[in-house]
Amino acid sequence: MNLAELYLDQGRFPEAESAIAEVLRLDPRNPAANYRQAVFLALKGQVRESADYLAQALSREPRFREIARQEPVFQRLQDRPEYRDVLNNP
């Protein structure tokens, strides 16, 4: 997942998408991969899909909830019902 995070940080979205997809292909329940996919989809404006991946990540790794609350892309979307429900319901 470090490679996907690096690509996201560098704005190299096609490479990030490929790296995340590969991790999810190998381990669809991977909470870090689900979280990064949620970030990536939110950046692409795919809000509903992003919230679904975020919910999967948080159900498997609760510590991501506080991280997600600080994530800039999620902060911009926190008033959307999809994110409000996911971020505020343990």
C-alpha atoms as a PDB file:
ATOM      1  CA  MET A   1       0.000   0.000   0.000  1.00  0.00           C
ATOM      2  CA  ASN A   2       2.930   2.369   0.463  1.00  0.00           C
ATOM      3  CA  LEU A   3       3.355   2.604  -3.298  1.00  0.00           C
ATOM      4  CA  ALA A   4      -0.306   3.545  -3.780  1.00  0.00           C
ATOM      5  CA  GLU A   5      -0.011   6.190  -1.054  1.00  0.00           C
ATOM      6  CA  LEU A   6       3.099   7.603  -2.694  1.00  0.00           C
ATOM      7  CA  TYR A   7       1.345   7.781  -6.054  1.00  0.00           C
ATOM      8  CA  LEU A   8      -1.690   9.482  -4.485  1.00  0.00           C
ATOM      9  CA  ASP A   9       0.516  12.025  -2.722  1.00  0.00           C
ATOM     10  CA  GLN A  10       2.284  12.760  -6.014  1.00  0.00           C
ATOM     11  CA  GLY A  11      -0.988  13.119  -7.917  1.00  0.00           C
ATOM     12  CA  ARG A  12      -0.128  10.102 -10.068  1.00  0.00           C
ATOM     13  CA  PHE A  13      -3.692   8.838 -10.087  1.00  0.00           C
ATOM     14  CA  PRO A  14      -3.520   6.183 -12.821  1.00  0.00           C
ATOM     15  CA  GLU A  15      -0.591   4.518 -11.045  1.00  0.00           C
ATOM     16  CA  ALA A  16      -2.328   4.817  -7.671  1.00  0.00           C
ATOM     17  CA  GLU A  17      -5.482   3.279  -9.101  1.00  0.00           C
ATOM     18  CA  SER A  18      -3.510   0.328 -10.507  1.00  0.00           C
ATOM     19  CA  ALA A  19      -1.618  -0.241  -7.252  1.00  0.00           C
ATOM     20  CA  ILE A  20      -4.793  -0.136  -5.148  1.00  0.00           C
ATOM     21  CA  ALA A  21      -6.641  -2.407  -7.578  1.00  0.00           C
ATOM     22  CA  GLU A  22      -3.854  -4.976  -7.363  1.00  0.00           C
ATOM     23  CA  VAL A  23      -3.932  -5.049  -3.556  1.00  0.00           C
ATOM     24  CA  LEU A  24      -7.726  -5.343  -3.572  1.00  0.00           C
ATOM     25  CA  ARG A  25      -7.533  -8.128  -6.146  1.00  0.00           C
ATOM     26  CA  LEU A  26      -5.178 -10.080  -3.886  1.00  0.00           C
ATOM     27  CA  ASP A  27      -6.946  -9.207  -0.627  1.00  0.00           C
ATOM     28  CA  PRO A  28     -10.367  -7.562  -1.031  1.00  0.00           C
ATOM     29  CA  ARG A  29     -10.795  -7.305   2.748  1.00  0.00           C
ATOM     30  CA  ASN A  30      -7.557  -5.348   3.265  1.00  0.00           C
ATOM     31  CA  PRO A  31      -8.608  -2.328   5.360  1.00  0.00           C
ATOM     32  CA  ALA A  32      -5.743  -0.106   4.203  1.00  0.00           C
ATOM     33  CA  ALA A  33      -6.526  -0.831   0.552  1.00  0.00           C
ATOM     34  CA  ASN A  34     -10.223  -0.160   1.126  1.00  0.00           C
ATOM     35  CA  TYR A  35      -9.341   3.112   2.859  1.00  0.00           C
ATOM     36  CA  ARG A  36      -7.012   4.232   0.051  1.00  0.00           C
ATOM     37  CA  GLN A  37      -9.638   3.271  -2.529  1.00  0.00           C
ATOM     38  CA  ALA A  38     -12.130   5.437  -0.633  1.00  0.00           C
ATOM     39  CA  VAL A  39      -9.706   8.381  -0.751  1.00  0.00           C
ATOM     40  CA  PHE A  40      -9.010   7.834  -4.434  1.00  0.00           C
ATOM     41  CA  LEU A  41     -12.685   7.608  -5.370  1.00  0.00           C
ATOM     42  CA  ALA A  42     -13.503  10.706  -3.322  1.00  0.00           C
ATOM     43  CA  LEU A  43     -10.805  12.612  -5.188  1.00  0.00           C
ATOM     44  CA  LYS A  44     -12.414  11.457  -8.445  1.00  0.00           C
ATOM     45  CA  GLY A  45     -15.825  12.653  -7.250  1.00  0.00           C
ATOM     46  CA  GLN A  46     -17.301   9.159  -6.918  1.00  0.00           C
ATOM     47  CA  VAL A  47     -18.842   9.934  -3.559  1.00  0.00           C
ATOM     48  CA  ARG A  48     -21.209   6.981  -3.039  1.00  0.00           C
ATOM     49  CA  GLU A  49     -18.587   4.426  -4.064  1.00  0.00           C
ATOM     50  CA  SER A  50     -16.011   6.136  -1.873  1.00  0.00           C
ATOM     51  CA  ALA A  51     -18.299   6.004   1.150  1.00  0.00           C
ATOM     52  CA  ASP A  52     -18.874   2.283   0.552  1.00  0.00           C
ATOM     53  CA  TYR A  53     -15.130   1.560   0.558  1.00  0.00           C
ATOM     54  CA  LEU A  54     -14.656   3.760   3.595  1.00  0.00           C
ATOM     55  CA  ALA A  55     -17.367   1.845   5.462  1.00  0.00           C
ATOM     56  CA  GLN A  56     -15.622  -1.437   4.599  1.00  0.00           C
ATOM     57  CA  ALA A  57     -12.280  -0.099   5.831  1.00  0.00           C
ATOM     58  CA  LEU A  58     -13.745   1.194   9.091  1.00  0.00           C
ATOM     59  CA  SER A  59     -15.600  -2.040   9.787  1.00  0.00           C
ATOM     60  CA  ARG A  60     -12.314  -3.939   9.600  1.00  0.00           C
ATOM     61  CA  GLU A  61     -10.030  -1.346  11.180  1.00  0.00           C
ATOM     62  CA  PRO A  62     -11.783   1.068  13.568  1.00  0.00           C
ATOM     63  CA  ARG A  63      -8.630   3.182  14.075  1.00  0.00           C
ATOM     64  CA  PHE A  64      -9.118   4.501  10.532  1.00  0.00           C
ATOM     65  CA  ARG A  65     -12.213   6.401  11.716  1.00  0.00           C
ATOM     66  CA  GLU A  66     -10.173   9.139  13.402  1.00  0.00           C
ATOM     67  CA  ILE A  67      -7.713   9.217  10.501  1.00  0.00           C
ATOM     68  CA  ALA A  68     -10.627   9.608   8.081  1.00  0.00           C
ATOM     69  CA  ARG A  69     -12.006  12.497  10.115  1.00  0.00           C
ATOM     70  CA  GLN A  70      -8.702  14.308   9.538  1.00  0.00           C
ATOM     71  CA  GLU A  71      -8.409  13.360   5.843  1.00  0.00           C
ATOM     72  CA  PRO A  72      -8.754  16.591   3.806  1.00  0.00           C
ATOM     73  CA  VAL A  73     -10.864  15.038   1.058  1.00  0.00           C
ATOM     74  CA  PHE A  74     -13.304  13.569   3.599  1.00  0.00           C
ATOM     75  CA  GLN A  75     -13.423  16.815   5.571  1.00  0.00           C
ATOM     76  CA  ARG A  76     -14.713  18.549   2.444  1.00  0.00           C
ATOM     77  CA  LEU A  77     -17.416  15.884   2.121  1.00  0.00           C
ATOM     78  CA  GLN A  78     -18.313  15.383   5.787  1.00  0.00           C
ATOM     79  CA  ASP A  79     -21.675  17.125   5.434  1.00  0.00           C
ATOM     80  CA  ARG A  80     -22.767  14.655   2.779  1.00  0.00           C
ATOM     81  CA  PRO A  81     -25.081  12.025   4.314  1.00  0.00           C
ATOM     82  CA  GLU A  82     -22.955   9.165   2.972  1.00  0.00           C
ATOM     83  CA  TYR A  83     -19.899  10.341   4.869  1.00  0.00           C
ATOM     84  CA  ARG A  84     -21.657  11.684   7.929  1.00  0.00           C
ATOM     85  CA  ASP A  85     -23.220   8.275   8.523  1.00  0.00           C
ATOM     86  CA  VAL A  86     -19.986   6.372   7.961  1.00  0.00           C
ATOM     87  CA  LEU A  87     -17.749   8.695   9.976  1.00  0.00           C
ATOM     88  CA  ASN A  88     -20.087   9.128  12.943  1.00  0.00           C
ATOM     89  CA  ASN A  89     -21.455   5.617  13.406  1.00  0.00           C
ATOM     90  CA  PRO A  90     -19.056   3.174  15.029  1.00  0.00           C
END
